Amino acid sequence: MPPITITQLSAALSGDGLKRDYVSWDVISPNVKLAAIASEDQLFAEHGGFDWKAIEKSIDPPAQRKKKKRALGAAASTISQQTAKNVFLWQGSGWGRYVRKVPELFYTKMIELIWGKQRIMEVYLNTIEMGRGIYGIEAAAQNYFHKPASRLSKNEAAMIIACLPNPKIYTVVPLSKRVSWRYPKILRQMNNLDGDKDVAELIR
């Protein structure tokens, strides 16, 4: 795991604090892994780092985009892309987002080739922000439910993942309206993916 990411360093310097506790793949509940896939990237087990159909949808004209119903987790940015951005690059919008795109493509392809899916998911769940100054699933589990990540239930995992992509606004504790609305939808998608052989093989 990286000792510290640019995002984590920025949070610490800005006064948000820094709570994190990296844990290995084997002690992260499969419920968390399934919730992340169900919510953020349902094709994670299959794609090579990029969901080209979702990317194509994301650049549709607004009028066309409104007409298309997008499944939960159909965001253009895959878990692999988010991991590359979280670990090697920086957050933010505006012009910086466009500057970041080329190195993001490079790092995404590299981690797909070198790390593989399990390692990508492990790093993702250990480095992503899950609350103000809270990074990684272990810190989130302890902070919100006072238990290790290994013991998170389906409901608890879905609640934590539902705070993405803006955990500073979409809070788990207290339960924000957005998280309250979104986590049951994630649970339904988790149940839909339960019988998927590729997903089951990946998250075990």
N, C-alpha and C. Protein backbone atom coordinates (compact mmCIF):
# COMPACT_ATOMS: atom_id res chain seq x y z
N MET A 1 0.84 -1.19 0.00
CA MET A 1 0.00 0.00 0.00
C MET A 1 0.88 1.25 0.00
N PRO A 2 0.43 2.31 -0.66
CA PRO A 2 1.20 3.56 -0.62
C PRO A 2 1.23 4.10 0.80
N PRO A 3 2.36 4.63 1.26
CA PRO A 3 2.42 5.17 2.62
C PRO A 3 1.42 6.30 2.83
N ILE A 4 1.23 7.13 1.80
CA ILE A 4 0.23 8.19 1.84
C ILE A 4 -0.02 8.65 0.40
N THR A 5 -1.27 8.98 0.10
CA THR A 5 -1.59 9.46 -1.24
C THR A 5 -1.68 10.99 -1.22
N ILE A 6 -1.70 11.58 -2.41
CA ILE A 6 -1.82 13.04 -2.52
C ILE A 6 -3.12 13.50 -1.89
N THR A 7 -4.20 12.75 -2.11
CA THR A 7 -5.50 13.11 -1.55
C THR A 7 -5.48 13.06 -0.03
N GLN A 8 -4.87 12.01 0.52
CA GLN A 8 -4.80 11.88 1.98
C GLN A 8 -3.95 13.00 2.59
N LEU A 9 -2.86 13.31 1.93
CA LEU A 9 -1.99 14.38 2.41
C LEU A 9 -2.73 15.71 2.39
N SER A 10 -3.48 15.96 1.33
CA SER A 10 -4.26 17.19 1.22
C SER A 10 -5.30 17.28 2.34
N ALA A 11 -5.94 16.14 2.65
CA ALA A 11 -6.95 16.12 3.71
C ALA A 11 -6.33 16.44 5.06
N ALA A 12 -5.16 15.85 5.31
CA ALA A 12 -4.48 16.10 6.58
C ALA A 12 -4.07 17.55 6.72
N LEU A 13 -3.56 18.13 5.64
CA LEU A 13 -3.10 19.52 5.68
C LEU A 13 -4.24 20.52 5.73
N SER A 14 -5.41 20.12 5.22
CA SER A 14 -6.56 21.03 5.18
C SER A 14 -7.34 21.05 6.49
N GLY A 15 -6.98 20.15 7.41
CA GLY A 15 -7.66 20.12 8.70
C GLY A 15 -8.72 19.06 8.82
N ASP A 16 -8.92 18.24 7.77
CA ASP A 16 -9.91 17.16 7.84
C ASP A 16 -9.44 16.01 8.72
N GLY A 17 -8.14 15.94 8.97
CA GLY A 17 -7.59 14.82 9.72
C GLY A 17 -7.31 13.65 8.79
N LEU A 18 -6.77 12.58 9.35
CA LEU A 18 -6.44 11.41 8.54
C LEU A 18 -6.59 10.15 9.39
N LYS A 19 -7.70 9.44 9.15
CA LYS A 19 -7.94 8.16 9.81
C LYS A 19 -7.82 7.08 8.76
N ARG A 20 -6.93 6.13 8.97
CA ARG A 20 -6.78 5.03 8.02
C ARG A 20 -6.12 3.86 8.71
N ASP A 21 -6.38 2.69 8.21
CA ASP A 21 -5.79 1.47 8.77
C ASP A 21 -5.84 0.42 7.67
N TYR A 22 -4.76 0.30 6.92
CA TYR A 22 -4.74 -0.64 5.80
C TYR A 22 -4.88 -2.08 6.28
N VAL A 23 -5.73 -2.84 5.59
CA VAL A 23 -5.93 -4.25 5.92
C VAL A 23 -5.79 -5.10 4.66
N SER A 24 -5.48 -6.36 4.83
CA SER A 24 -5.25 -7.24 3.68
C SER A 24 -6.58 -7.72 3.10
N TRP A 25 -6.49 -8.25 1.90
CA TRP A 25 -7.65 -8.74 1.15
C TRP A 25 -8.46 -9.75 1.96
N ASP A 26 -7.78 -10.65 2.65
CA ASP A 26 -8.45 -11.75 3.35
C ASP A 26 -9.29 -11.29 4.53
N VAL A 27 -9.04 -10.10 5.06
CA VAL A 27 -9.81 -9.65 6.21
C VAL A 27 -10.79 -8.53 5.85
N ILE A 28 -11.06 -8.38 4.57
CA ILE A 28 -12.13 -7.48 4.12
C ILE A 28 -13.33 -8.35 3.78
N SER A 29 -14.46 -8.04 4.37
CA SER A 29 -15.66 -8.85 4.14
C SER A 29 -16.02 -8.91 2.66
N PRO A 30 -16.38 -10.09 2.15
CA PRO A 30 -16.86 -10.18 0.77
C PRO A 30 -18.05 -9.26 0.51
N ASN A 31 -18.81 -8.94 1.56
CA ASN A 31 -19.95 -8.03 1.40
C ASN A 31 -19.49 -6.66 0.91
N VAL A 32 -18.34 -6.22 1.40
CA VAL A 32 -17.81 -4.91 0.98
C VAL A 32 -17.38 -4.96 -0.48
N LYS A 33 -16.69 -6.00 -0.85
CA LYS A 33 -16.23 -6.15 -2.24
C LYS A 33 -17.42 -6.20 -3.20
N LEU A 34 -18.44 -6.94 -2.80
CA LEU A 34 -19.64 -7.05 -3.63
C LEU A 34 -20.37 -5.71 -3.72
N ALA A 35 -20.45 -4.99 -2.61
CA ALA A 35 -21.12 -3.68 -2.61
C ALA A 35 -20.40 -2.70 -3.53
N ALA A 36 -19.07 -2.72 -3.50
CA ALA A 36 -18.29 -1.82 -4.35
C ALA A 36 -18.53 -2.11 -5.83
N ILE A 37 -18.53 -3.39 -6.18
CA ILE A 37 -18.78 -3.77 -7.57
C ILE A 37 -20.20 -3.40 -7.98
N ALA A 38 -21.17 -3.72 -7.11
CA ALA A 38 -22.58 -3.45 -7.41
C ALA A 38 -22.84 -1.97 -7.61
N SER A 39 -22.17 -1.14 -6.84
CA SER A 39 -22.43 0.29 -6.89
C SER A 39 -21.57 1.03 -7.90
N GLU A 40 -20.28 0.69 -7.95
CA GLU A 40 -19.33 1.51 -8.68
C GLU A 40 -18.94 0.97 -10.06
N ASP A 41 -19.00 -0.36 -10.24
CA ASP A 41 -18.42 -0.90 -11.48
C ASP A 41 -18.84 -2.35 -11.65
N GLN A 42 -20.04 -2.56 -12.18
CA GLN A 42 -20.59 -3.91 -12.26
C GLN A 42 -19.86 -4.81 -13.26
N LEU A 43 -19.09 -4.22 -14.13
CA LEU A 43 -18.32 -5.02 -15.10
C LEU A 43 -16.86 -5.17 -14.68
N PHE A 44 -16.55 -4.85 -13.43
CA PHE A 44 -15.17 -4.86 -12.96
C PHE A 44 -14.46 -6.19 -13.22
N ALA A 45 -15.15 -7.29 -13.01
CA ALA A 45 -14.53 -8.62 -13.17
C ALA A 45 -14.24 -8.94 -14.64
N GLU A 46 -14.84 -8.19 -15.56
CA GLU A 46 -14.75 -8.52 -16.98
C GLU A 46 -13.90 -7.56 -17.82
N HIS A 47 -13.94 -6.27 -17.50
CA HIS A 47 -13.29 -5.31 -18.39
C HIS A 47 -11.77 -5.25 -18.16
N GLY A 48 -11.09 -4.58 -19.06
CA GLY A 48 -9.64 -4.46 -18.97
C GLY A 48 -9.18 -3.14 -18.38
N GLY A 49 -10.07 -2.52 -17.60
CA GLY A 49 -9.72 -1.26 -16.96
C GLY A 49 -10.66 -0.13 -17.33
N PHE A 50 -11.34 -0.28 -18.49
CA PHE A 50 -12.21 0.79 -18.98
C PHE A 50 -13.55 0.20 -19.41
N ASP A 51 -14.62 0.89 -19.05
CA ASP A 51 -15.97 0.51 -19.48
C ASP A 51 -16.33 1.43 -20.64
N TRP A 52 -16.02 0.97 -21.85
CA TRP A 52 -16.15 1.84 -23.02
C TRP A 52 -17.59 2.23 -23.30
N LYS A 53 -18.55 1.35 -23.00
CA LYS A 53 -19.96 1.70 -23.22
C LYS A 53 -20.38 2.83 -22.29
N ALA A 54 -19.93 2.76 -21.03
CA ALA A 54 -20.27 3.82 -20.08
C ALA A 54 -19.59 5.14 -20.47
N ILE A 55 -18.36 5.04 -20.97
CA ILE A 55 -17.65 6.24 -21.42
C ILE A 55 -18.40 6.87 -22.59
N GLU A 56 -18.87 6.04 -23.51
CA GLU A 56 -19.63 6.55 -24.66
C GLU A 56 -20.90 7.25 -24.20
N LYS A 57 -21.59 6.66 -23.21
CA LYS A 57 -22.81 7.27 -22.68
C LYS A 57 -22.51 8.61 -22.02
N SER A 58 -21.36 8.67 -21.33
CA SER A 58 -21.03 9.88 -20.58
C SER A 58 -20.76 11.08 -21.47
N ILE A 59 -20.42 10.82 -22.76
CA ILE A 59 -20.16 11.93 -23.66
C ILE A 59 -21.31 12.19 -24.62
N ASP A 60 -22.46 11.52 -24.39
CA ASP A 60 -23.66 11.82 -25.16
C ASP A 60 -24.09 13.26 -24.90
N PRO A 61 -24.74 13.89 -25.87
CA PRO A 61 -25.34 15.21 -25.61
C PRO A 61 -26.33 15.09 -24.45
N PRO A 62 -26.46 16.14 -23.62
CA PRO A 62 -27.35 16.07 -22.45
C PRO A 62 -28.76 15.61 -22.76
N ALA A 63 -29.32 16.03 -23.88
CA ALA A 63 -30.69 15.66 -24.22
C ALA A 63 -30.81 14.16 -24.41
N GLN A 64 -29.80 13.56 -25.06
CA GLN A 64 -29.84 12.11 -25.27
C GLN A 64 -29.59 11.38 -23.96
N ARG A 65 -28.68 11.93 -23.14
CA ARG A 65 -28.30 11.27 -21.90
C ARG A 65 -29.50 11.17 -20.96
N LYS A 66 -30.37 12.18 -20.96
CA LYS A 66 -31.53 12.17 -20.09
C LYS A 66 -32.50 11.06 -20.47
N LYS A 67 -32.51 10.71 -21.74
CA LYS A 67 -33.44 9.69 -22.20
C LYS A 67 -32.98 8.28 -21.86
N LYS A 68 -31.70 8.13 -21.53
CA LYS A 68 -31.15 6.80 -21.28
C LYS A 68 -31.11 6.51 -19.80
N LYS A 69 -31.67 5.39 -19.40
CA LYS A 69 -31.60 4.98 -18.00
C LYS A 69 -30.28 4.25 -17.79
N ARG A 70 -29.50 4.75 -16.83
CA ARG A 70 -28.21 4.13 -16.58
C ARG A 70 -28.29 3.31 -15.31
N ALA A 71 -27.83 2.07 -15.39
CA ALA A 71 -27.85 1.21 -14.22
C ALA A 71 -26.93 1.75 -13.15
N LEU A 72 -27.26 1.40 -11.88
CA LEU A 72 -26.40 1.77 -10.77
C LEU A 72 -25.01 1.20 -11.04
N GLY A 73 -24.00 2.03 -10.86
CA GLY A 73 -22.65 1.54 -11.09
C GLY A 73 -22.19 1.69 -12.52
N ALA A 74 -22.99 2.36 -13.36
CA ALA A 74 -22.63 2.49 -14.77
C ALA A 74 -21.85 3.78 -15.04
N ALA A 75 -21.15 4.27 -14.04
CA ALA A 75 -20.36 5.49 -14.21
C ALA A 75 -19.22 5.22 -15.17
N ALA A 76 -18.78 6.29 -15.86
CA ALA A 76 -17.71 6.11 -16.84
C ALA A 76 -16.39 5.75 -16.19
N SER A 77 -16.19 6.15 -14.95
CA SER A 77 -14.93 5.89 -14.25
C SER A 77 -15.00 4.56 -13.52
N THR A 78 -14.20 3.60 -13.95
CA THR A 78 -14.22 2.26 -13.35
C THR A 78 -13.47 2.26 -12.01
N ILE A 79 -13.58 1.16 -11.28
CA ILE A 79 -12.82 0.99 -10.04
C ILE A 79 -11.33 1.06 -10.34
N SER A 80 -10.90 0.51 -11.45
CA SER A 80 -9.49 0.55 -11.83
C SER A 80 -9.03 1.99 -12.05
N GLN A 81 -9.84 2.77 -12.76
CA GLN A 81 -9.51 4.18 -12.99
C GLN A 81 -9.49 4.98 -11.69
N GLN A 82 -10.46 4.73 -10.84
CA GLN A 82 -10.51 5.43 -9.56
C GLN A 82 -9.29 5.09 -8.70
N THR A 83 -8.87 3.83 -8.75
CA THR A 83 -7.70 3.41 -7.97
C THR A 83 -6.44 4.09 -8.49
N ALA A 84 -6.28 4.11 -9.81
CA ALA A 84 -5.12 4.78 -10.41
C ALA A 84 -5.09 6.26 -10.01
N LYS A 85 -6.24 6.90 -10.05
CA LYS A 85 -6.33 8.31 -9.69
C LYS A 85 -6.03 8.52 -8.20
N ASN A 86 -6.62 7.66 -7.36
CA ASN A 86 -6.44 7.81 -5.91
C ASN A 86 -4.99 7.62 -5.48
N VAL A 87 -4.30 6.66 -6.10
CA VAL A 87 -2.96 6.28 -5.64
C VAL A 87 -1.87 7.13 -6.29
N PHE A 88 -1.97 7.36 -7.59
CA PHE A 88 -0.86 7.98 -8.32
C PHE A 88 -1.08 9.45 -8.69
N LEU A 89 -2.35 9.89 -8.67
CA LEU A 89 -2.64 11.22 -9.19
C LEU A 89 -3.35 12.09 -8.15
N TRP A 90 -4.23 12.95 -8.58
CA TRP A 90 -4.87 13.90 -7.69
C TRP A 90 -6.35 13.98 -8.01
N GLN A 91 -7.12 14.55 -7.07
CA GLN A 91 -8.56 14.72 -7.25
C GLN A 91 -8.82 16.09 -7.85
N GLY A 92 -10.09 16.41 -7.95
CA GLY A 92 -10.46 17.75 -8.39
C GLY A 92 -11.08 17.78 -9.76
N SER A 93 -11.74 18.91 -10.04
CA SER A 93 -12.40 19.09 -11.33
C SER A 93 -11.73 20.24 -12.07
N GLY A 94 -12.47 20.87 -13.00
CA GLY A 94 -11.89 21.98 -13.75
C GLY A 94 -10.81 21.51 -14.72
N TRP A 95 -9.89 22.40 -15.02
CA TRP A 95 -8.85 22.08 -16.02
C TRP A 95 -7.95 20.94 -15.56
N GLY A 96 -7.76 20.79 -14.25
CA GLY A 96 -6.91 19.72 -13.74
C GLY A 96 -7.40 18.34 -14.10
N ARG A 97 -8.74 18.22 -14.24
CA ARG A 97 -9.32 16.93 -14.61
C ARG A 97 -8.85 16.51 -16.00
N TYR A 98 -8.74 17.46 -16.92
CA TYR A 98 -8.33 17.13 -18.29
C TYR A 98 -6.83 16.85 -18.36
N VAL A 99 -6.06 17.57 -17.57
CA VAL A 99 -4.62 17.31 -17.51
C VAL A 99 -4.36 15.91 -16.98
N ARG A 100 -5.22 15.46 -16.07
CA ARG A 100 -5.05 14.17 -15.41
C ARG A 100 -5.39 12.99 -16.30
N LYS A 101 -6.17 13.20 -17.34
CA LYS A 101 -6.74 12.09 -18.10
C LYS A 101 -5.68 11.19 -18.74
N VAL A 102 -4.66 11.75 -19.35
CA VAL A 102 -3.66 10.91 -20.03
C VAL A 102 -2.89 10.04 -19.05
N PRO A 103 -2.31 10.61 -17.96
CA PRO A 103 -1.64 9.73 -17.01
C PRO A 103 -2.60 8.74 -16.34
N GLU A 104 -3.87 9.13 -16.19
CA GLU A 104 -4.85 8.20 -15.61
C GLU A 104 -5.03 6.98 -16.50
N LEU A 105 -5.09 7.19 -17.80
CA LEU A 105 -5.21 6.07 -18.74
C LEU A 105 -3.99 5.15 -18.64
N PHE A 106 -2.81 5.76 -18.56
CA PHE A 106 -1.57 4.99 -18.47
C PHE A 106 -1.53 4.15 -17.19
N TYR A 107 -1.77 4.79 -16.04
CA TYR A 107 -1.69 4.08 -14.76
C TYR A 107 -2.78 3.02 -14.64
N THR A 108 -3.95 3.30 -15.19
CA THR A 108 -5.02 2.30 -15.16
C THR A 108 -4.62 1.04 -15.89
N LYS A 109 -4.04 1.21 -17.07
CA LYS A 109 -3.62 0.04 -17.86
C LYS A 109 -2.49 -0.70 -17.16
N MET A 110 -1.58 0.03 -16.55
CA MET A 110 -0.45 -0.59 -15.87
C MET A 110 -0.91 -1.44 -14.68
N ILE A 111 -1.82 -0.91 -13.86
CA ILE A 111 -2.24 -1.69 -12.69
C ILE A 111 -3.08 -2.89 -13.10
N GLU A 112 -3.83 -2.76 -14.20
CA GLU A 112 -4.57 -3.92 -14.70
C GLU A 112 -3.60 -5.03 -15.11
N LEU A 113 -2.52 -4.66 -15.76
CA LEU A 113 -1.54 -5.64 -16.25
C LEU A 113 -0.68 -6.21 -15.13
N ILE A 114 -0.28 -5.35 -14.18
CA ILE A 114 0.71 -5.76 -13.18
C ILE A 114 0.05 -6.25 -11.89
N TRP A 115 -0.96 -5.55 -11.42
CA TRP A 115 -1.57 -5.92 -10.14
C TRP A 115 -2.63 -7.01 -10.28
N GLY A 116 -3.50 -6.88 -11.27
CA GLY A 116 -4.65 -7.78 -11.38
C GLY A 116 -5.82 -7.28 -10.55
N LYS A 117 -6.96 -7.95 -10.72
CA LYS A 117 -8.22 -7.46 -10.16
C LYS A 117 -8.24 -7.45 -8.63
N GLN A 118 -7.79 -8.52 -8.00
CA GLN A 118 -7.87 -8.56 -6.53
C GLN A 118 -7.03 -7.47 -5.89
N ARG A 119 -5.83 -7.29 -6.40
CA ARG A 119 -4.95 -6.27 -5.84
C ARG A 119 -5.53 -4.87 -6.06
N ILE A 120 -6.10 -4.64 -7.24
CA ILE A 120 -6.72 -3.34 -7.52
C ILE A 120 -7.84 -3.07 -6.53
N MET A 121 -8.71 -4.07 -6.33
CA MET A 121 -9.82 -3.90 -5.40
C MET A 121 -9.33 -3.70 -3.96
N GLU A 122 -8.29 -4.43 -3.58
CA GLU A 122 -7.73 -4.30 -2.24
C GLU A 122 -7.21 -2.88 -2.00
N VAL A 123 -6.46 -2.36 -2.97
CA VAL A 123 -5.92 -1.01 -2.84
C VAL A 123 -7.05 0.01 -2.86
N TYR A 124 -8.00 -0.18 -3.74
CA TYR A 124 -9.16 0.72 -3.82
C TYR A 124 -9.87 0.83 -2.48
N LEU A 125 -10.18 -0.31 -1.87
CA LEU A 125 -10.93 -0.32 -0.62
C LEU A 125 -10.11 0.18 0.57
N ASN A 126 -8.80 0.24 0.42
CA ASN A 126 -7.94 0.73 1.49
C ASN A 126 -7.59 2.21 1.36
N THR A 127 -7.78 2.78 0.18
CA THR A 127 -7.33 4.16 -0.03
C THR A 127 -8.45 5.15 -0.31
N ILE A 128 -9.63 4.68 -0.67
CA ILE A 128 -10.70 5.60 -1.05
C ILE A 128 -11.24 6.33 0.18
N GLU A 129 -11.63 7.59 -0.03
CA GLU A 129 -12.21 8.38 1.06
C GLU A 129 -13.63 7.93 1.33
N MET A 130 -13.95 7.66 2.60
CA MET A 130 -15.26 7.16 3.00
C MET A 130 -15.88 8.01 4.11
N GLY A 131 -15.45 9.25 4.18
CA GLY A 131 -15.93 10.19 5.18
C GLY A 131 -14.89 11.28 5.32
N ARG A 132 -15.22 12.34 6.02
CA ARG A 132 -14.28 13.44 6.17
C ARG A 132 -13.04 12.98 6.93
N GLY A 133 -11.92 12.87 6.21
CA GLY A 133 -10.68 12.43 6.83
C GLY A 133 -10.60 10.94 7.09
N ILE A 134 -11.59 10.17 6.61
CA ILE A 134 -11.64 8.72 6.83
C ILE A 134 -11.30 8.01 5.52
N TYR A 135 -10.21 7.26 5.52
CA TYR A 135 -9.75 6.60 4.30
C TYR A 135 -9.66 5.09 4.50
N GLY A 136 -10.33 4.37 3.61
CA GLY A 136 -10.27 2.92 3.65
C GLY A 136 -11.40 2.31 4.45
N ILE A 137 -11.70 1.07 4.10
CA ILE A 137 -12.86 0.39 4.67
C ILE A 137 -12.68 0.04 6.14
N GLU A 138 -11.47 -0.22 6.59
CA GLU A 138 -11.27 -0.55 8.01
C GLU A 138 -11.56 0.66 8.89
N ALA A 139 -11.02 1.81 8.52
CA ALA A 139 -11.28 3.03 9.28
C ALA A 139 -12.77 3.37 9.26
N ALA A 140 -13.42 3.18 8.12
CA ALA A 140 -14.85 3.46 8.00
C ALA A 140 -15.67 2.52 8.88
N ALA A 141 -15.34 1.23 8.83
CA ALA A 141 -16.07 0.23 9.63
C ALA A 141 -15.96 0.54 11.12
N GLN A 142 -14.75 0.87 11.55
CA GLN A 142 -14.52 1.17 12.97
C GLN A 142 -15.23 2.46 13.37
N ASN A 143 -15.17 3.45 12.51
CA ASN A 143 -15.75 4.76 12.82
C ASN A 143 -17.27 4.74 12.85
N TYR A 144 -17.89 4.03 11.89
CA TYR A 144 -19.33 4.05 11.76
C TYR A 144 -20.05 2.94 12.53
N PHE A 145 -19.43 1.75 12.57
CA PHE A 145 -20.13 0.61 13.15
C PHE A 145 -19.36 -0.06 14.29
N HIS A 146 -18.19 0.48 14.62
CA HIS A 146 -17.39 0.00 15.77
C HIS A 146 -17.09 -1.50 15.67
N LYS A 147 -16.71 -1.89 14.47
CA LYS A 147 -16.34 -3.28 14.23
C LYS A 147 -15.33 -3.33 13.09
N PRO A 148 -14.58 -4.42 12.95
CA PRO A 148 -13.61 -4.52 11.83
C PRO A 148 -14.32 -4.72 10.50
N ALA A 149 -13.61 -4.41 9.43
CA ALA A 149 -14.16 -4.56 8.08
C ALA A 149 -14.53 -6.00 7.77
N SER A 150 -13.88 -6.94 8.44
CA SER A 150 -14.15 -8.37 8.21
C SER A 150 -15.55 -8.77 8.66
N ARG A 151 -16.17 -7.97 9.52
CA ARG A 151 -17.46 -8.35 10.10
C ARG A 151 -18.62 -7.50 9.60
N LEU A 152 -18.39 -6.71 8.58
CA LEU A 152 -19.47 -5.87 8.06
C LEU A 152 -20.56 -6.70 7.38
N SER A 153 -21.80 -6.41 7.71
CA SER A 153 -22.94 -7.08 7.08
C SER A 153 -23.19 -6.48 5.69
N LYS A 154 -24.09 -7.08 4.96
CA LYS A 154 -24.45 -6.55 3.65
C LYS A 154 -25.00 -5.13 3.78
N ASN A 155 -25.90 -4.93 4.73
CA ASN A 155 -26.48 -3.60 4.93
C ASN A 155 -25.42 -2.56 5.25
N GLU A 156 -24.52 -2.90 6.17
CA GLU A 156 -23.48 -1.97 6.60
C GLU A 156 -22.53 -1.64 5.45
N ALA A 157 -22.15 -2.67 4.69
CA ALA A 157 -21.27 -2.47 3.54
C ALA A 157 -21.93 -1.55 2.52
N ALA A 158 -23.21 -1.79 2.25
CA ALA A 158 -23.94 -0.98 1.27
C ALA A 158 -24.06 0.47 1.74
N MET A 159 -24.26 0.67 3.03
CA MET A 159 -24.35 2.04 3.56
C MET A 159 -23.05 2.80 3.37
N ILE A 160 -21.93 2.14 3.67
CA ILE A 160 -20.64 2.81 3.52
C ILE A 160 -20.37 3.15 2.06
N ILE A 161 -20.58 2.18 1.18
CA ILE A 161 -20.32 2.41 -0.25
C ILE A 161 -21.27 3.46 -0.82
N ALA A 162 -22.47 3.56 -0.24
CA ALA A 162 -23.46 4.52 -0.74
C ALA A 162 -23.03 5.97 -0.52
N CYS A 163 -22.03 6.21 0.33
CA CYS A 163 -21.58 7.59 0.55
C CYS A 163 -20.72 8.10 -0.60
N LEU A 164 -20.28 7.22 -1.49
CA LEU A 164 -19.50 7.63 -2.64
C LEU A 164 -20.41 8.24 -3.69
N PRO A 165 -19.95 9.21 -4.45
CA PRO A 165 -18.58 9.68 -4.61
C PRO A 165 -18.23 10.91 -3.76
N ASN A 166 -19.16 11.34 -2.89
CA ASN A 166 -18.88 12.55 -2.11
C ASN A 166 -19.19 12.31 -0.64
N PRO A 167 -18.31 11.58 0.06
CA PRO A 167 -18.58 11.18 1.44
C PRO A 167 -18.59 12.33 2.44
N LYS A 168 -18.09 13.49 2.05
CA LYS A 168 -18.14 14.64 2.95
C LYS A 168 -19.54 15.23 3.02
N ILE A 169 -20.32 15.02 1.98
CA ILE A 169 -21.70 15.51 1.93
C ILE A 169 -22.69 14.38 2.20
N TYR A 170 -22.45 13.22 1.56
CA TYR A 170 -23.34 12.06 1.71
C TYR A 170 -22.84 11.23 2.89
N THR A 171 -23.27 11.57 4.08
CA THR A 171 -22.71 10.97 5.29
C THR A 171 -23.40 9.66 5.67
N VAL A 172 -22.61 8.78 6.26
CA VAL A 172 -23.12 7.50 6.77
C VAL A 172 -23.67 7.69 8.18
N VAL A 173 -22.95 8.42 8.99
CA VAL A 173 -23.39 8.79 10.35
C VAL A 173 -23.16 10.28 10.53
N PRO A 174 -24.24 11.05 10.68
CA PRO A 174 -25.65 10.66 10.58
C PRO A 174 -26.02 10.27 9.16
N LEU A 175 -27.03 9.42 9.03
CA LEU A 175 -27.41 8.89 7.72
C LEU A 175 -28.05 10.00 6.88
N SER A 176 -27.37 10.40 5.83
CA SER A 176 -27.90 11.45 4.96
C SER A 176 -29.04 10.90 4.11
N LYS A 177 -29.84 11.80 3.57
CA LYS A 177 -30.97 11.39 2.72
C LYS A 177 -30.48 10.61 1.51
N ARG A 178 -29.37 11.06 0.96
CA ARG A 178 -28.81 10.41 -0.24
C ARG A 178 -28.40 8.97 0.07
N VAL A 179 -27.68 8.76 1.17
CA VAL A 179 -27.25 7.41 1.54
C VAL A 179 -28.46 6.55 1.89
N SER A 180 -29.42 7.12 2.60
CA SER A 180 -30.64 6.40 2.97
C SER A 180 -31.40 5.93 1.75
N TRP A 181 -31.41 6.76 0.71
CA TRP A 181 -32.10 6.42 -0.54
C TRP A 181 -31.31 5.43 -1.38
N ARG A 182 -29.99 5.57 -1.34
CA ARG A 182 -29.15 4.82 -2.28
C ARG A 182 -28.78 3.41 -1.80
N TYR A 183 -28.58 3.22 -0.49
CA TYR A 183 -28.05 1.92 -0.08
C TYR A 183 -29.02 0.75 -0.33
N PRO A 184 -30.35 0.93 -0.24
CA PRO A 184 -31.22 -0.20 -0.62
C PRO A 184 -31.10 -0.58 -2.09
N LYS A 185 -30.83 0.41 -2.94
CA LYS A 185 -30.62 0.11 -4.36
C LYS A 185 -29.34 -0.70 -4.56
N ILE A 186 -28.31 -0.36 -3.80
CA ILE A 186 -27.06 -1.12 -3.87
C ILE A 186 -27.29 -2.56 -3.39
N LEU A 187 -28.08 -2.71 -2.33
CA LEU A 187 -28.40 -4.05 -1.83
C LEU A 187 -29.09 -4.89 -2.90
N ARG A 188 -30.02 -4.28 -3.63
CA ARG A 188 -30.71 -5.02 -4.69
C ARG A 188 -29.73 -5.45 -5.78
N GLN A 189 -28.81 -4.56 -6.14
CA GLN A 189 -27.82 -4.93 -7.15
C GLN A 189 -26.87 -6.01 -6.63
N MET A 190 -26.54 -5.96 -5.34
CA MET A 190 -25.71 -7.01 -4.74
C MET A 190 -26.40 -8.36 -4.86
N ASN A 191 -27.70 -8.39 -4.59
CA ASN A 191 -28.46 -9.63 -4.70
C ASN A 191 -28.50 -10.12 -6.15
N ASN A 192 -28.60 -9.19 -7.09
CA ASN A 192 -28.61 -9.54 -8.51
C ASN A 192 -27.28 -10.16 -8.95
N LEU A 193 -26.19 -9.69 -8.35
CA LEU A 193 -24.85 -10.18 -8.73
C LEU A 193 -24.43 -11.43 -7.97
N ASP A 194 -25.21 -11.82 -6.97
CA ASP A 194 -24.84 -12.96 -6.12
C ASP A 194 -24.55 -14.24 -6.92
N GLY A 195 -25.28 -14.45 -7.99
CA GLY A 195 -25.11 -15.68 -8.75
C GLY A 195 -24.09 -15.58 -9.87
N ASP A 196 -23.42 -14.43 -10.01
CA ASP A 196 -22.44 -14.25 -11.08
C ASP A 196 -21.15 -14.98 -10.74
N LYS A 197 -20.77 -15.93 -11.56
CA LYS A 197 -19.62 -16.78 -11.28
C LYS A 197 -18.31 -15.98 -11.24
N ASP A 198 -18.13 -15.05 -12.17
CA ASP A 198 -16.90 -14.25 -12.21
C ASP A 198 -16.76 -13.37 -10.97
N VAL A 199 -17.87 -12.78 -10.54
CA VAL A 199 -17.84 -11.93 -9.36
C VAL A 199 -17.57 -12.76 -8.12
N ALA A 200 -18.25 -13.91 -8.01
CA ALA A 200 -18.07 -14.79 -6.85
C ALA A 200 -16.62 -15.24 -6.73
N GLU A 201 -16.02 -15.57 -7.87
CA GLU A 201 -14.61 -16.00 -7.89
C GLU A 201 -13.70 -14.88 -7.44
N LEU A 202 -14.00 -13.67 -7.83
CA LEU A 202 -13.15 -12.52 -7.52
C LEU A 202 -13.20 -12.14 -6.05
N ILE A 203 -14.39 -12.11 -5.44
CA ILE A 203 -14.55 -11.53 -4.11
C ILE A 203 -14.32 -12.54 -2.97
N ARG A 204 -14.14 -13.79 -3.28
CA ARG A 204 -14.05 -14.79 -2.21
C ARG A 204 -12.77 -14.59 -1.36
